[in-house]
Amino acid sequence: HMDVYRIDDNSDFGVEDYFNKDGVCIIEWSELIEDRLPQERL
């Protein structure tokens, strides 16, 4: 469960690493990191 409200687009907190795990990622305020999101998502 992520909340990226306080993250700027240049911050590196390893969000991409979570997309490759076997769990579910739910990201609040995801529009703030849109260019880092996986192409396939809801």
All heavy atoms as atom14 arrays in JSON, in Angstrom:
{
  "sequence": "HMDVYRIDDNSDFGVEDYFNKDGVCIIEWSELIEDRLPQERL",
  "atom14_mask": [
    [1, 1, 1, 1, 1, 1, 1, 1, 1, 1, 0, 0, 0, 0],
    [1, 1, 1, 1, 1, 1, 1, 1, 0, 0, 0, 0, 0, 0],
    [1, 1, 1, 1, 1, 1, 1, 1, 0, 0, 0, 0, 0, 0],
    [1, 1, 1, 1, 1, 1, 1, 0, 0, 0, 0, 0, 0, 0],
    [1, 1, 1, 1, 1, 1, 1, 1, 1, 1, 1, 1, 0, 0],
    [1, 1, 1, 1, 1, 1, 1, 1, 1, 1, 1, 0, 0, 0],
    [1, 1, 1, 1, 1, 1, 1, 1, 0, 0, 0, 0, 0, 0],
    [1, 1, 1, 1, 1, 1, 1, 1, 0, 0, 0, 0, 0, 0],
    [1, 1, 1, 1, 1, 1, 1, 1, 0, 0, 0, 0, 0, 0],
    [1, 1, 1, 1, 1, 1, 1, 1, 0, 0, 0, 0, 0, 0],
    [1, 1, 1, 1, 1, 1, 0, 0, 0, 0, 0, 0, 0, 0],
    [1, 1, 1, 1, 1, 1, 1, 1, 0, 0, 0, 0, 0, 0],
    [1, 1, 1, 1, 1, 1, 1, 1, 1, 1, 1, 0, 0, 0],
    [1, 1, 1, 1, 0, 0, 0, 0, 0, 0, 0, 0, 0, 0],
    [1, 1, 1, 1, 1, 1, 1, 0, 0, 0, 0, 0, 0, 0],
    [1, 1, 1, 1, 1, 1, 1, 1, 1, 0, 0, 0, 0, 0],
    [1, 1, 1, 1, 1, 1, 1, 1, 0, 0, 0, 0, 0, 0],
    [1, 1, 1, 1, 1, 1, 1, 1, 1, 1, 1, 1, 0, 0],
    [1, 1, 1, 1, 1, 1, 1, 1, 1, 1, 1, 0, 0, 0],
    [1, 1, 1, 1, 1, 1, 1, 1, 0, 0, 0, 0, 0, 0],
    [1, 1, 1, 1, 1, 1, 1, 1, 1, 0, 0, 0, 0, 0],
    [1, 1, 1, 1, 1, 1, 1, 1, 0, 0, 0, 0, 0, 0],
    [1, 1, 1, 1, 0, 0, 0, 0, 0, 0, 0, 0, 0, 0],
    [1, 1, 1, 1, 1, 1, 1, 0, 0, 0, 0, 0, 0, 0],
    [1, 1, 1, 1, 1, 1, 0, 0, 0, 0, 0, 0, 0, 0],
    [1, 1, 1, 1, 1, 1, 1, 1, 0, 0, 0, 0, 0, 0],
    [1, 1, 1, 1, 1, 1, 1, 1, 0, 0, 0, 0, 0, 0],
    [1, 1, 1, 1, 1, 1, 1, 1, 1, 0, 0, 0, 0, 0],
    [1, 1, 1, 1, 1, 1, 1, 1, 1, 1, 1, 1, 1, 1],
    [1, 1, 1, 1, 1, 1, 0, 0, 0, 0, 0, 0, 0, 0],
    [1, 1, 1, 1, 1, 1, 1, 1, 1, 0, 0, 0, 0, 0],
    [1, 1, 1, 1, 1, 1, 1, 1, 0, 0, 0, 0, 0, 0],
    [1, 1, 1, 1, 1, 1, 1, 1, 0, 0, 0, 0, 0, 0],
    [1, 1, 1, 1, 1, 1, 1, 1, 1, 0, 0, 0, 0, 0],
    [1, 1, 1, 1, 1, 1, 1, 1, 0, 0, 0, 0, 0, 0],
    [1, 1, 1, 1, 1, 1, 1, 1, 1, 1, 1, 0, 0, 0],
    [1, 1, 1, 1, 1, 1, 1, 1, 0, 0, 0, 0, 0, 0],
    [1, 1, 1, 1, 1, 1, 1, 0, 0, 0, 0, 0, 0, 0],
    [1, 1, 1, 1, 1, 1, 1, 1, 1, 0, 0, 0, 0, 0],
    [1, 1, 1, 1, 1, 1, 1, 1, 1, 0, 0, 0, 0, 0],
    [1, 1, 1, 1, 1, 1, 1, 1, 1, 1, 1, 0, 0, 0],
    [1, 1, 1, 1, 1, 1, 1, 1, 0, 0, 0, 0, 0, 0]
  ],
  "atom14_positions": [
    [[0.86, -1.18, 0.0], [0.0, 0.0, 0.0], [0.9, 1.23, 0.0], [1.68, 1.44, 0.92], [-0.89, -0.04, 1.24], [-1.83, 1.11, 1.35], [-2.41, 1.47, 2.55], [-2.32, 1.99, 0.45], [-3.21, 2.5, 2.38], [-3.16, 2.85, 1.11], [0.0, 0.0, 0.0], [0.0, 0.0, 0.0], [0.0, 0.0, 0.0], [0.0, 0.0, 0.0]],
    [[0.78, 2.04, -1.04], [1.64, 3.22, -1.19], [0.8, 4.48, -1.2], [-0.31, 4.49, -1.71], [2.42, 3.13, -2.5], [3.25, 1.91, -2.63], [4.02, 1.82, -4.25], [4.38, 0.07, -4.31], [0.0, 0.0, 0.0], [0.0, 0.0, 0.0], [0.0, 0.0, 0.0], [0.0, 0.0, 0.0], [0.0, 0.0, 0.0], [0.0, 0.0, 0.0]],
    [[1.39, 5.52, -0.67], [0.81, 6.86, -0.75], [1.94, 7.77, -1.21], [2.89, 8.01, -0.46], [0.26, 7.3, 0.6], [-0.41, 8.66, 0.55], [0.03, 9.52, -0.25], [-1.36, 8.88, 1.32], [0.0, 0.0, 0.0], [0.0, 0.0, 0.0], [0.0, 0.0, 0.0], [0.0, 0.0, 0.0], [0.0, 0.0, 0.0], [0.0, 0.0, 0.0]],
    [[1.86, 8.24, -2.44], [2.96, 9.01, -3.02], [2.66, 10.52, -3.02], [3.31, 11.27, -3.74], [3.32, 8.5, -4.43], [3.82, 7.07, -4.36], [2.14, 8.61, -5.39], [0.0, 0.0, 0.0], [0.0, 0.0, 0.0], [0.0, 0.0, 0.0], [0.0, 0.0, 0.0], [0.0, 0.0, 0.0], [0.0, 0.0, 0.0], [0.0, 0.0, 0.0]],
    [[1.72, 10.95, -2.17], [1.34, 12.35, -2.12], [2.52, 13.27, -1.83], [2.61, 14.36, -2.37], [0.25, 12.54, -1.05], [-0.29, 13.94, -0.98], [-1.16, 14.42, -1.95], [0.06, 14.8, 0.06], [-1.67, 15.71, -1.9], [-0.44, 16.09, 0.12], [-1.31, 16.54, -0.87], [-1.8, 17.81, -0.82], [0.0, 0.0, 0.0], [0.0, 0.0, 0.0]],
    [[3.43, 12.83, -0.98], [4.56, 13.67, -0.58], [5.82, 13.38, -1.4], [6.9, 13.86, -1.05], [4.85, 13.48, 0.9], [3.68, 13.89, 1.77], [4.03, 13.91, 3.23], [2.87, 14.24, 4.03], [2.39, 15.46, 4.2], [2.95, 16.47, 3.6], [1.33, 15.67, 4.95], [0.0, 0.0, 0.0], [0.0, 0.0, 0.0], [0.0, 0.0, 0.0]],
    [[5.69, 12.64, -2.47], [6.85, 12.29, -3.29], [6.87, 13.18, -4.53], [5.85, 13.39, -5.17], [6.74, 10.81, -3.76], [6.77, 9.88, -2.56], [7.82, 10.46, -4.75], [8.04, 9.92, -1.77], [0.0, 0.0, 0.0], [0.0, 0.0, 0.0], [0.0, 0.0, 0.0], [0.0, 0.0, 0.0], [0.0, 0.0, 0.0], [0.0, 0.0, 0.0]],
    [[8.05, 13.67, -4.86], [8.14, 14.35, -6.15], [8.63, 13.33, -7.17], [9.14, 12.28, -6.82], [9.04, 15.59, -6.09], [10.5, 15.27, -5.81], [11.05, 14.35, -6.45], [11.1, 15.95, -4.96], [0.0, 0.0, 0.0], [0.0, 0.0, 0.0], [0.0, 0.0, 0.0], [0.0, 0.0, 0.0], [0.0, 0.0, 0.0], [0.0, 0.0, 0.0]],
    [[8.45, 13.63, -8.41], [8.71, 12.65, -9.47], [10.19, 12.25, -9.55], [10.53, 11.25, -10.15], [8.24, 13.21, -10.82], [7.98, 12.11, -11.82], [7.54, 11.02, -11.41], [8.26, 12.32, -13.02], [0.0, 0.0, 0.0], [0.0, 0.0, 0.0], [0.0, 0.0, 0.0], [0.0, 0.0, 0.0], [0.0, 0.0, 0.0], [0.0, 0.0, 0.0]],
    [[11.06, 13.0, -8.92], [12.49, 12.67, -8.96], [12.93, 11.79, -7.8], [14.05, 11.32, -7.78], [13.32, 13.96, -8.97], [13.04, 14.79, -10.2], [12.89, 14.26, -11.29], [12.95, 16.1, -10.02], [0.0, 0.0, 0.0], [0.0, 0.0, 0.0], [0.0, 0.0, 0.0], [0.0, 0.0, 0.0], [0.0, 0.0, 0.0], [0.0, 0.0, 0.0]],
    [[12.07, 11.58, -6.82], [12.42, 10.75, -5.66], [12.56, 9.3, -6.09], [11.8, 8.8, -6.92], [11.34, 10.85, -4.59], [11.27, 12.15, -4.08], [0.0, 0.0, 0.0], [0.0, 0.0, 0.0], [0.0, 0.0, 0.0], [0.0, 0.0, 0.0], [0.0, 0.0, 0.0], [0.0, 0.0, 0.0], [0.0, 0.0, 0.0], [0.0, 0.0, 0.0]],
    [[13.54, 8.64, -5.5], [13.73, 7.23, -5.81], [13.48, 6.42, -4.55], [14.32, 6.34, -3.67], [15.15, 6.98, -6.33], [15.36, 5.53, -6.73], [14.36, 4.82, -6.97], [16.52, 5.1, -6.79], [0.0, 0.0, 0.0], [0.0, 0.0, 0.0], [0.0, 0.0, 0.0], [0.0, 0.0, 0.0], [0.0, 0.0, 0.0], [0.0, 0.0, 0.0]],
    [[12.29, 5.83, -4.46], [11.99, 4.97, -3.31], [11.77, 3.54, -3.75], [11.26, 2.72, -3.01], [10.81, 5.52, -2.5], [9.48, 5.51, -3.21], [8.57, 4.49, -3.01], [9.15, 6.53, -4.09], [7.36, 4.48, -3.66], [7.94, 6.53, -4.74], [7.03, 5.51, -4.53], [0.0, 0.0, 0.0], [0.0, 0.0, 0.0], [0.0, 0.0, 0.0]],
    [[12.16, 3.21, -4.98], [12.09, 1.83, -5.46], [10.7, 1.35, -5.82], [10.43, 0.16, -5.77], [0.0, 0.0, 0.0], [0.0, 0.0, 0.0], [0.0, 0.0, 0.0], [0.0, 0.0, 0.0], [0.0, 0.0, 0.0], [0.0, 0.0, 0.0], [0.0, 0.0, 0.0], [0.0, 0.0, 0.0], [0.0, 0.0, 0.0], [0.0, 0.0, 0.0]],
    [[9.81, 2.26, -6.22], [8.44, 1.86, -6.53], [8.4, 0.78, -7.6], [7.61, -0.15, -7.52], [7.58, 3.08, -6.95], [8.06, 3.7, -8.25], [6.12, 2.7, -7.06], [0.0, 0.0, 0.0], [0.0, 0.0, 0.0], [0.0, 0.0, 0.0], [0.0, 0.0, 0.0], [0.0, 0.0, 0.0], [0.0, 0.0, 0.0], [0.0, 0.0, 0.0]],
    [[9.28, 0.87, -8.58], [9.27, -0.1, -9.67], [9.56, -1.52, -9.18], [9.07, -2.49, -9.75], [10.29, 0.29, -10.76], [9.93, 1.57, -11.49], [10.47, 2.84, -10.83], [11.0, 2.78, -9.67], [10.35, 3.91, -11.44], [0.0, 0.0, 0.0], [0.0, 0.0, 0.0], [0.0, 0.0, 0.0], [0.0, 0.0, 0.0], [0.0, 0.0, 0.0]],
    [[10.34, -1.65, -8.1], [10.65, -2.97, -7.54], [9.39, -3.69, -7.07], [9.29, -4.91, -7.17], [11.62, -2.85, -6.37], [12.98, -2.3, -6.8], [13.32, -2.4, -7.99], [13.68, -1.75, -5.93], [0.0, 0.0, 0.0], [0.0, 0.0, 0.0], [0.0, 0.0, 0.0], [0.0, 0.0, 0.0], [0.0, 0.0, 0.0], [0.0, 0.0, 0.0]],
    [[8.42, -2.95, -6.58], [7.19, -3.56, -6.08], [6.33, -4.13, -7.2], [5.59, -5.07, -7.0], [6.38, -2.54, -5.27], [6.99, -2.26, -3.92], [7.84, -1.18, -3.74], [6.73, -3.1, -2.84], [8.41, -0.92, -2.5], [7.3, -2.85, -1.6], [8.14, -1.76, -1.44], [8.7, -1.52, -0.22], [0.0, 0.0, 0.0], [0.0, 0.0, 0.0]],
    [[6.43, -3.57, -8.39], [5.6, -4.04, -9.51], [6.01, -5.43, -9.97], [5.24, -6.1, -10.65], [5.67, -3.07, -10.69], [5.24, -1.67, -10.34], [5.89, -0.58, -10.89], [4.19, -1.43, -9.47], [5.5, 0.71, -10.58], [3.8, -0.14, -9.14], [4.46, 0.92, -9.71], [0.0, 0.0, 0.0], [0.0, 0.0, 0.0], [0.0, 0.0, 0.0]],
    [[7.21, -5.85, -9.63], [7.71, -7.15, -10.06], [7.59, -8.22, -8.98], [8.11, -9.31, -9.14], [9.17, -7.01, -10.51], [9.29, -6.07, -11.68], [8.52, -6.13, -12.63], [10.25, -5.17, -11.62], [0.0, 0.0, 0.0], [0.0, 0.0, 0.0], [0.0, 0.0, 0.0], [0.0, 0.0, 0.0], [0.0, 0.0, 0.0], [0.0, 0.0, 0.0]],
    [[6.93, -7.9, -7.89], [6.74, -8.87, -6.82], [5.43, -9.63, -7.05], [4.64, -9.26, -7.9], [6.72, -8.16, -5.46], [8.06, -7.53, -5.11], [8.05, -6.99, -3.71], [9.43, -6.46, -3.36], [9.57, -6.24, -1.93], [0.0, 0.0, 0.0], [0.0, 0.0, 0.0], [0.0, 0.0, 0.0], [0.0, 0.0, 0.0], [0.0, 0.0, 0.0]],
    [[5.23, -10.67, -6.27], [4.05, -11.51, -6.44], [2.84, -11.06, -5.64], [1.92, -11.83, -5.43], [4.39, -12.97, -6.07], [5.22, -13.63, -7.14], [5.14, -13.19, -8.3], [5.93, -14.59, -6.83], [0.0, 0.0, 0.0], [0.0, 0.0, 0.0], [0.0, 0.0, 0.0], [0.0, 0.0, 0.0], [0.0, 0.0, 0.0], [0.0, 0.0, 0.0]],
    [[2.84, -9.82, -5.21], [1.71, -9.31, -4.45], [0.88, -8.34, -5.26], [0.95, -8.31, -6.49], [0.0, 0.0, 0.0], [0.0, 0.0, 0.0], [0.0, 0.0, 0.0], [0.0, 0.0, 0.0], [0.0, 0.0, 0.0], [0.0, 0.0, 0.0], [0.0, 0.0, 0.0], [0.0, 0.0, 0.0], [0.0, 0.0, 0.0], [0.0, 0.0, 0.0]],
    [[0.08, -7.55, -4.55], [-0.76, -6.53, -5.16], [-0.27, -5.17, -4.69], [-0.04, -4.98, -3.49], [-2.25, -6.72, -4.74], [-3.1, -5.58, -5.27], [-2.77, -8.06, -5.23], [0.0, 0.0, 0.0], [0.0, 0.0, 0.0], [0.0, 0.0, 0.0], [0.0, 0.0, 0.0], [0.0, 0.0, 0.0], [0.0, 0.0, 0.0], [0.0, 0.0, 0.0]],
    [[-0.09, -4.24, -5.61], [0.27, -2.86, -5.29], [-0.97, -1.99, -5.42], [-1.63, -2.03, -6.46], [1.32, -2.33, -6.26], [2.91, -3.11, -6.12], [0.0, 0.0, 0.0], [0.0, 0.0, 0.0], [0.0, 0.0, 0.0], [0.0, 0.0, 0.0], [0.0, 0.0, 0.0], [0.0, 0.0, 0.0], [0.0, 0.0, 0.0], [0.0, 0.0, 0.0]],
    [[-1.25, -1.24, -4.38], [-2.3, -0.23, -4.46], [-1.65, 1.1, -4.13], [-1.05, 1.26, -3.06], [-3.49, -0.52, -3.52], [-4.11, -1.88, -3.84], [-4.53, 0.59, -3.65], [-5.32, -2.24, -2.98], [0.0, 0.0, 0.0], [0.0, 0.0, 0.0], [0.0, 0.0, 0.0], [0.0, 0.0, 0.0], [0.0, 0.0, 0.0], [0.0, 0.0, 0.0]],
    [[-1.76, 2.04, -5.05], [-1.05, 3.31, -4.93], [-2.04, 4.46, -4.87], [-2.82, 4.67, -5.81], [-0.11, 3.53, -6.14], [0.79, 2.31, -6.34], [0.71, 4.81, -5.96], [1.48, 2.29, -7.68], [0.0, 0.0, 0.0], [0.0, 0.0, 0.0], [0.0, 0.0, 0.0], [0.0, 0.0, 0.0], [0.0, 0.0, 0.0], [0.0, 0.0, 0.0]],
    [[-2.02, 5.2, -3.76], [-2.83, 6.41, -3.64], [-2.05, 7.58, -4.22], [-0.85, 7.68, -4.03], [-3.18, 6.67, -2.18], [-4.06, 5.58, -1.58], [-4.57, 5.94, -0.2], [-4.93, 7.12, 0.03], [-4.61, 5.04, 0.66], [0.0, 0.0, 0.0], [0.0, 0.0, 0.0], [0.0, 0.0, 0.0], [0.0, 0.0, 0.0], [0.0, 0.0, 0.0]],
    [[-2.76, 8.47, -4.92], [-2.18, 9.65, -5.56], [-1.22, 9.26, -6.69], [-0.24, 9.95, -6.96], [-1.46, 10.55, -4.54], [-2.34, 11.02, -3.43], [-2.42, 10.49, -2.19], [-3.28, 12.09, -3.47], [-3.35, 11.17, -1.43], [-3.9, 12.17, -2.2], [-3.66, 13.0, -4.46], [-4.87, 13.11, -1.89], [-4.63, 13.94, -4.13], [-5.21, 13.98, -2.87]],
    [[-1.49, 8.17, -7.37], [-0.58, 7.64, -8.39], [-0.34, 8.6, -9.55], [0.68, 8.52, -10.22], [-1.11, 6.32, -8.93], [-2.33, 6.52, -9.62], [0.0, 0.0, 0.0], [0.0, 0.0, 0.0], [0.0, 0.0, 0.0], [0.0, 0.0, 0.0], [0.0, 0.0, 0.0], [0.0, 0.0, 0.0], [0.0, 0.0, 0.0], [0.0, 0.0, 0.0]],
    [[-1.27, 9.51, -9.8], [-1.09, 10.45, -10.92], [0.18, 11.28, -10.75], [0.72, 11.79, -11.72], [-2.31, 11.35, -11.06], [-2.61, 12.17, -9.83], [-4.04, 12.68, -9.76], [-4.86, 12.34, -10.61], [-4.32, 13.42, -8.81], [0.0, 0.0, 0.0], [0.0, 0.0, 0.0], [0.0, 0.0, 0.0], [0.0, 0.0, 0.0], [0.0, 0.0, 0.0]],
    [[0.7, 11.37, -9.52], [1.91, 12.14, -9.26], [3.17, 11.44, -9.75], [4.22, 12.07, -9.89], [2.04, 12.46, -7.76], [0.9, 13.3, -7.18], [1.05, 13.44, -5.68], [0.84, 14.66, -7.86], [0.0, 0.0, 0.0], [0.0, 0.0, 0.0], [0.0, 0.0, 0.0], [0.0, 0.0, 0.0], [0.0, 0.0, 0.0], [0.0, 0.0, 0.0]],
    [[3.08, 10.12, -9.99], [4.23, 9.36, -10.5], [3.83, 8.59, -11.78], [4.34, 7.51, -12.04], [4.81, 8.4, -9.44], [3.76, 7.38, -8.97], [5.39, 9.18, -8.26], [4.33, 6.19, -8.23], [0.0, 0.0, 0.0], [0.0, 0.0, 0.0], [0.0, 0.0, 0.0], [0.0, 0.0, 0.0], [0.0, 0.0, 0.0], [0.0, 0.0, 0.0]],
    [[2.94, 9.16, -12.54], [2.35, 8.46, -13.68], [3.38, 7.86, -14.64], [3.2, 6.76, -15.14], [1.41, 9.4, -14.43], [0.58, 8.68, -15.46], [-0.55, 9.55, -15.98], [-0.68, 10.71, -15.56], [-1.29, 9.03, -16.81], [0.0, 0.0, 0.0], [0.0, 0.0, 0.0], [0.0, 0.0, 0.0], [0.0, 0.0, 0.0], [0.0, 0.0, 0.0]],
    [[4.48, 8.56, -14.87], [5.47, 8.05, -15.82], [6.26, 6.87, -15.27], [7.0, 6.22, -16.01], [6.41, 9.16, -16.26], [7.22, 9.75, -15.13], [6.74, 9.75, -13.98], [8.35, 10.23, -15.39], [0.0, 0.0, 0.0], [0.0, 0.0, 0.0], [0.0, 0.0, 0.0], [0.0, 0.0, 0.0], [0.0, 0.0, 0.0], [0.0, 0.0, 0.0]],
    [[6.08, 6.53, -14.0], [6.79, 5.4, -13.4], [5.9, 4.18, -13.21], [6.34, 3.13, -12.77], [7.37, 5.83, -12.06], [8.39, 6.95, -12.24], [8.71, 7.63, -10.96], [9.61, 6.81, -10.17], [10.15, 7.23, -9.04], [9.86, 8.42, -8.57], [10.95, 6.45, -8.37], [0.0, 0.0, 0.0], [0.0, 0.0, 0.0], [0.0, 0.0, 0.0]],
    [[4.62, 4.32, -13.54], [3.67, 3.24, -13.35], [3.8, 2.19, -14.45], [4.19, 2.52, -15.58], [2.25, 3.79, -13.33], [1.93, 4.78, -12.21], [0.55, 5.4, -12.42], [2.02, 4.09, -10.86], [0.0, 0.0, 0.0], [0.0, 0.0, 0.0], [0.0, 0.0, 0.0], [0.0, 0.0, 0.0], [0.0, 0.0, 0.0], [0.0, 0.0, 0.0]],
    [[3.42, 0.94, -14.15], [3.44, -0.08, -15.21], [2.4, 0.24, -16.27], [1.37, 0.86, -15.98], [3.11, -1.37, -14.47], [2.47, -0.97, -13.19], [2.96, 0.4, -12.87], [0.0, 0.0, 0.0], [0.0, 0.0, 0.0], [0.0, 0.0, 0.0], [0.0, 0.0, 0.0], [0.0, 0.0, 0.0], [0.0, 0.0, 0.0], [0.0, 0.0, 0.0]],
    [[2.67, -0.17, -17.48], [1.72, 0.08, -18.57], [0.39, -0.61, -18.31], [-0.66, -0.07, -18.63], [2.29, -0.39, -19.91], [3.34, 0.54, -20.46], [3.75, 0.13, -21.85], [3.87, -1.05, -22.16], [3.96, 1.1, -22.72], [0.0, 0.0, 0.0], [0.0, 0.0, 0.0], [0.0, 0.0, 0.0], [0.0, 0.0, 0.0], [0.0, 0.0, 0.0]],
    [[0.45, -1.82, -17.77], [-0.78, -2.56, -17.47], [-1.13, -2.34, -16.01], [-0.34, -2.65, -15.11], [-0.61, -4.04, -17.79], [-0.44, -4.26, -19.28], [-0.64, -5.7, -19.7], [-1.05, -6.53, -18.86], [-0.4, -5.98, -20.88], [0.0, 0.0, 0.0], [0.0, 0.0, 0.0], [0.0, 0.0, 0.0], [0.0, 0.0, 0.0], [0.0, 0.0, 0.0]],
    [[-2.33, -1.79, -15.79], [-2.77, -1.46, -14.44], [-4.24, -1.08, -14.48], [-4.82, -0.94, -15.55], [-1.95, -0.31, -13.86], [-2.15, 0.99, -14.63], [-1.26, 2.11, -14.12], [-1.6, 3.38, -14.68], [-1.11, 3.87, -15.82], [-0.25, 3.17, -16.53], [-1.5, 5.05, -16.26], [0.0, 0.0, 0.0], [0.0, 0.0, 0.0], [0.0, 0.0, 0.0]],
    [[-4.81, -0.86, -13.28], [-6.17, -0.37, -13.17], [-6.14, 0.97, -12.46], [-5.69, 1.06, -11.31], [-7.05, -1.36, -12.38], [-8.5, -0.92, -12.14], [-9.24, -0.72, -13.46], [-9.21, -1.93, -11.26], [0.0, 0.0, 0.0], [0.0, 0.0, 0.0], [0.0, 0.0, 0.0], [0.0, 0.0, 0.0], [0.0, 0.0, 0.0], [0.0, 0.0, 0.0]]
  ]
}
